[in-house]
N, C-alpha and C. Protein backbone atom coordinates (compact mmCIF):
# COMPACT_ATOMS: atom_id res chain seq x y z
N UNK A 1 5.28 55.64 -17.29
CA UNK A 1 6.26 55.62 -18.27
C UNK A 1 8.08 55.64 -17.58
N UNK A 2 8.91 54.69 -17.11
CA UNK A 2 9.97 55.36 -16.45
C UNK A 2 10.96 55.95 -17.74
N UNK A 3 11.60 56.42 -16.95
CA UNK A 3 12.60 58.04 -17.81
C UNK A 3 13.81 57.05 -18.57
N UNK A 4 14.24 56.12 -17.74
CA UNK A 4 15.37 55.37 -18.98
C UNK A 4 14.37 54.57 -20.18
N UNK A 5 12.64 53.81 -19.53
CA UNK A 5 12.35 53.76 -20.93
C UNK A 5 12.41 54.43 -22.19
N UNK A 6 11.48 55.43 -21.52
CA UNK A 6 11.70 56.61 -23.28
C UNK A 6 13.22 56.61 -23.87
N UNK A 7 14.09 56.84 -22.84
CA UNK A 7 15.26 56.76 -23.70
C UNK A 7 16.01 55.87 -24.61
N UNK A 8 15.57 54.42 -24.19
CA UNK A 8 15.47 53.40 -24.66
C UNK A 8 14.83 53.10 -25.65
N UNK A 9 13.14 53.73 -25.59
CA UNK A 9 12.55 53.69 -26.43
C UNK A 9 13.17 54.07 -27.98
N UNK A 10 13.72 55.56 -27.52
CA UNK A 10 13.78 56.34 -28.87
C UNK A 10 15.39 55.84 -29.24
N UNK A 11 15.60 55.30 -28.63
CA UNK A 11 16.82 54.46 -29.77
C UNK A 11 16.90 53.02 -29.86
N UNK A 12 15.53 52.38 -30.17
CA UNK A 12 15.11 51.25 -30.81
C UNK A 12 15.53 50.93 -32.27
N UNK A 13 15.31 51.65 -32.68
CA UNK A 13 15.39 51.95 -34.15
C UNK A 13 16.88 52.16 -34.77
N UNK A 14 17.50 52.72 -34.33
CA UNK A 14 18.89 52.39 -34.35
C UNK A 14 19.55 51.02 -33.45
N UNK A 15 18.89 50.57 -32.39
CA UNK A 15 19.35 49.58 -32.13
C UNK A 15 18.73 48.18 -33.12
N UNK A 16 18.05 48.30 -32.91
CA UNK A 16 17.55 47.27 -34.35
C UNK A 16 18.49 47.28 -35.85
N UNK A 17 18.74 48.42 -36.33
CA UNK A 17 19.51 48.48 -37.31
C UNK A 17 20.76 48.50 -37.12
N UNK A 18 21.48 47.86 -35.78
CA UNK A 18 22.54 47.70 -35.79
C UNK A 18 23.56 49.12 -36.01
N UNK A 19 23.07 50.54 -35.78
CA UNK A 19 23.49 51.75 -35.99
C UNK A 19 24.16 52.12 -34.43
N UNK A 20 24.16 51.29 -33.81
CA UNK A 20 24.63 52.28 -31.95
C UNK A 20 25.58 51.48 -31.93
N UNK A 21 26.84 52.71 -31.26
CA UNK A 21 28.07 52.52 -30.58
C UNK A 21 27.78 51.04 -29.92
N UNK A 22 28.77 50.16 -29.70
CA UNK A 22 28.85 48.91 -29.01
C UNK A 22 28.13 49.17 -27.62
N UNK A 23 28.75 50.12 -26.80
CA UNK A 23 28.46 50.54 -25.33
C UNK A 23 26.81 50.97 -25.08
N UNK A 24 26.15 51.65 -25.91
CA UNK A 24 25.03 52.19 -26.24
C UNK A 24 24.08 50.55 -26.38
N UNK A 25 24.52 49.84 -27.59
CA UNK A 25 23.64 48.59 -27.92
C UNK A 25 23.79 47.78 -26.41
N UNK A 26 24.96 47.55 -26.05
CA UNK A 26 24.76 47.00 -24.40
C UNK A 26 24.05 47.42 -23.64
N UNK A 27 23.88 48.61 -23.38
CA UNK A 27 22.94 49.29 -22.60
C UNK A 27 21.50 48.76 -22.90
N UNK A 28 21.56 48.89 -24.06
CA UNK A 28 19.62 49.01 -24.48
C UNK A 28 19.88 47.12 -24.69
N UNK A 29 20.30 46.44 -24.87
CA UNK A 29 20.07 44.69 -24.53
C UNK A 29 19.95 45.08 -23.06
N UNK A 30 20.71 45.16 -22.25
CA UNK A 30 20.86 44.69 -20.54
C UNK A 30 19.34 45.56 -20.40
N UNK A 31 19.26 46.70 -21.05
CA UNK A 31 17.50 47.07 -20.45
C UNK A 31 16.09 45.84 -20.69
N UNK A 32 16.18 45.83 -22.12
CA UNK A 32 15.70 44.91 -22.89
C UNK A 32 15.26 43.33 -21.82
N UNK A 33 16.65 42.92 -21.21
CA UNK A 33 16.45 42.07 -20.45
C UNK A 33 15.91 42.15 -19.47
N UNK A 34 15.58 43.25 -18.48
CA UNK A 34 14.96 43.49 -17.59
C UNK A 34 13.73 44.34 -17.66
N UNK A 35 13.25 44.22 -18.73
CA UNK A 35 11.93 45.27 -18.85
C UNK A 35 11.24 44.30 -20.28
N UNK A 36 10.14 44.17 -19.04
CA UNK A 36 9.10 43.28 -20.33
C UNK A 36 8.19 44.41 -21.13
N UNK A 37 8.19 45.55 -20.48
CA UNK A 37 7.20 46.35 -21.60
C UNK A 37 8.49 46.68 -23.23
N UNK A 38 9.60 46.97 -22.96
CA UNK A 38 10.34 47.64 -23.88
C UNK A 38 11.05 46.47 -24.43
N UNK A 39 10.91 45.95 -23.71
CA UNK A 39 11.15 44.24 -24.88
C UNK A 39 10.49 43.91 -25.85
N UNK A 40 8.80 43.76 -25.34
CA UNK A 40 7.53 43.97 -26.29
C UNK A 40 7.83 44.92 -27.15
N UNK A 41 7.77 46.06 -27.44
CA UNK A 41 7.63 47.45 -27.93
C UNK A 41 9.38 46.93 -29.05
N UNK A 42 10.44 46.27 -28.74
CA UNK A 42 11.31 46.04 -29.26
C UNK A 42 11.24 44.98 -30.95
N UNK A 43 10.10 43.93 -29.63
CA UNK A 43 9.61 42.96 -30.76
C UNK A 43 8.86 43.18 -31.92
N UNK A 44 7.48 44.25 -31.16
CA UNK A 44 7.10 44.73 -31.95
C UNK A 44 7.39 45.72 -33.55
N UNK A 45 8.37 45.70 -33.38
CA UNK A 45 8.55 46.80 -33.70
C UNK A 45 9.67 46.30 -35.16
N UNK A 46 10.34 45.07 -34.30
CA UNK A 46 10.80 44.35 -35.18
C UNK A 46 10.14 43.70 -36.28
N UNK A 47 8.96 43.05 -35.95
CA UNK A 47 8.02 42.70 -36.40
C UNK A 47 7.13 43.13 -37.37
N UNK A 48 7.46 44.39 -36.93
CA UNK A 48 6.38 45.34 -37.98
C UNK A 48 7.28 45.97 -39.71
N UNK A 49 8.59 46.03 -39.04
CA UNK A 49 9.30 45.89 -40.34
C UNK A 49 10.04 44.81 -41.08
N UNK A 50 9.96 43.71 -40.52
CA UNK A 50 9.94 42.74 -41.44
C UNK A 50 8.60 42.39 -42.26
N UNK A 51 7.19 42.79 -41.80
CA UNK A 51 6.27 42.53 -42.13
C UNK A 51 6.12 43.60 -43.49
N UNK A 52 6.79 44.93 -43.36
CA UNK A 52 6.32 45.68 -44.15
C UNK A 52 8.10 46.32 -45.29
N UNK A 53 8.75 45.14 -44.91
CA UNK A 53 10.18 45.08 -46.05
C UNK A 53 10.93 46.52 -45.65
N UNK A 54 11.42 46.61 -44.32
CA UNK A 54 11.51 47.63 -44.17
C UNK A 54 12.76 48.51 -45.17
N UNK A 55 13.54 47.34 -45.89
CA UNK A 55 14.54 48.58 -46.84
C UNK A 55 13.62 49.48 -47.87
N UNK A 56 12.49 48.56 -48.24
CA UNK A 56 11.43 49.49 -49.61
C UNK A 56 11.14 50.78 -48.54
N UNK A 57 10.38 50.68 -47.53
CA UNK A 57 10.26 51.63 -46.49
C UNK A 57 11.39 52.34 -46.66
N UNK A 58 12.08 52.31 -46.12
CA UNK A 58 13.64 53.44 -46.04
C UNK A 58 13.43 53.92 -47.32
N UNK A 59 13.37 53.29 -48.67
CA UNK A 59 13.77 53.81 -50.00
C UNK A 59 12.50 55.17 -50.12
N UNK A 60 11.34 54.43 -50.24
CA UNK A 60 10.52 55.47 -50.56
C UNK A 60 9.72 56.35 -49.49
N UNK A 61 9.91 55.93 -48.00
CA UNK A 61 9.23 56.88 -47.30
C UNK A 61 10.56 56.93 -46.14
N UNK A 62 11.38 58.24 -46.38
CA UNK A 62 12.43 57.67 -45.35
C UNK A 62 11.83 58.26 -43.56
N UNK A 63 11.00 59.17 -44.18
CA UNK A 63 10.77 59.95 -42.79
C UNK A 63 9.33 58.74 -41.85
N UNK A 64 9.01 58.08 -42.15
CA UNK A 64 7.56 57.56 -42.09
C UNK A 64 7.62 56.75 -40.58
N UNK A 65 9.28 56.00 -40.30
CA UNK A 65 8.99 55.89 -38.82
C UNK A 65 9.62 56.89 -37.67
N UNK A 66 9.90 57.82 -38.24
CA UNK A 66 10.02 59.27 -37.49
C UNK A 66 8.58 59.80 -37.21
N UNK A 67 7.95 59.75 -38.18
CA UNK A 67 6.68 60.09 -37.93
C UNK A 67 5.69 59.57 -37.08
N UNK A 68 5.76 58.32 -37.52
CA UNK A 68 5.21 57.51 -36.65
C UNK A 68 5.27 57.29 -35.00
N UNK A 69 6.71 57.87 -34.84
CA UNK A 69 7.22 57.80 -33.26
C UNK A 69 7.04 59.61 -32.95
N UNK A 70 7.20 60.18 -33.55
CA UNK A 70 6.53 61.29 -33.29
C UNK A 70 4.99 61.64 -32.49
N UNK A 71 4.42 60.86 -33.68
CA UNK A 71 3.16 60.93 -33.23
C UNK A 71 2.35 60.04 -32.08
N UNK A 72 3.38 58.99 -31.65
CA UNK A 72 3.06 58.39 -30.44
C UNK A 72 3.41 59.19 -29.41
N UNK A 73 4.90 59.80 -29.14
CA UNK A 73 5.15 60.46 -28.49
C UNK A 73 4.07 61.76 -28.12
N UNK A 74 3.22 62.66 -29.64
CA UNK A 74 2.46 63.58 -29.26
C UNK A 74 1.77 63.46 -28.69
N UNK A 75 1.00 62.14 -28.47
CA UNK A 75 -0.25 61.95 -28.06
C UNK A 75 -0.31 61.40 -26.39
N UNK A 76 0.88 61.28 -26.38
CA UNK A 76 1.48 60.90 -24.61
C UNK A 76 0.89 59.34 -24.15
N UNK A 77 0.66 58.41 -25.12
CA UNK A 77 0.39 57.25 -24.81
C UNK A 77 1.21 56.37 -25.82
N UNK A 78 1.00 54.91 -24.80
CA UNK A 78 2.30 53.66 -25.60
C UNK A 78 0.81 53.02 -26.53
N UNK A 79 1.00 53.53 -28.25
CA UNK A 79 0.41 52.87 -29.07
C UNK A 79 1.87 51.97 -29.90
N UNK A 80 1.44 50.84 -29.59
CA UNK A 80 2.03 49.71 -30.39
C UNK A 80 2.20 49.84 -31.50
N UNK A 81 3.52 49.97 -32.57
CA UNK A 81 3.46 50.57 -33.63
C UNK A 81 3.02 49.53 -35.06
N UNK A 82 2.80 48.12 -34.51
CA UNK A 82 2.22 47.24 -35.06
C UNK A 82 0.50 47.53 -35.65
N UNK A 83 0.24 47.90 -34.33
CA UNK A 83 -1.50 47.98 -34.19
C UNK A 83 -1.28 49.52 -35.12
N UNK A 84 -0.74 50.13 -35.08
CA UNK A 84 -0.80 51.85 -35.37
C UNK A 84 -0.07 51.48 -36.87
N UNK A 85 0.14 50.46 -37.77
CA UNK A 85 0.25 50.22 -39.09
C UNK A 85 -0.85 49.81 -39.19
N UNK A 86 -1.59 48.43 -38.52
CA UNK A 86 -2.66 47.98 -39.20
C UNK A 86 -4.25 49.35 -39.29
N UNK A 87 -3.97 50.66 -38.23
CA UNK A 87 -5.01 51.44 -37.83
C UNK A 87 -5.04 52.42 -39.76
N UNK A 88 -3.29 52.44 -39.98
CA UNK A 88 -3.15 53.50 -41.08
C UNK A 88 -3.70 52.21 -42.97
N UNK A 89 -3.82 50.93 -42.62
CA UNK A 89 -4.36 50.20 -43.95
C UNK A 89 -5.35 50.07 -43.74
N UNK A 90 -6.38 50.07 -43.16
CA UNK A 90 -7.82 49.81 -42.46
C UNK A 90 -8.57 50.88 -43.26
């Protein structure tokens, strides 16, 4: 995985929650326009949050997303968040 992809993927939660500064959000957008892998990751994250009702999770499990992202990074492999969620509920 390219270094820029790692940086963008770390910013995806804030980007999807409209919590990035305008300049950084535009940088992420530009990268997503050119990188199909990161774009797919963003779409999977967005779909997962929609399925899980993000507001409810933020209230009840504020560290859930960070825990998932840390696990992915620790294992050193790209696990789509949606598939990780499916593993947790089955």
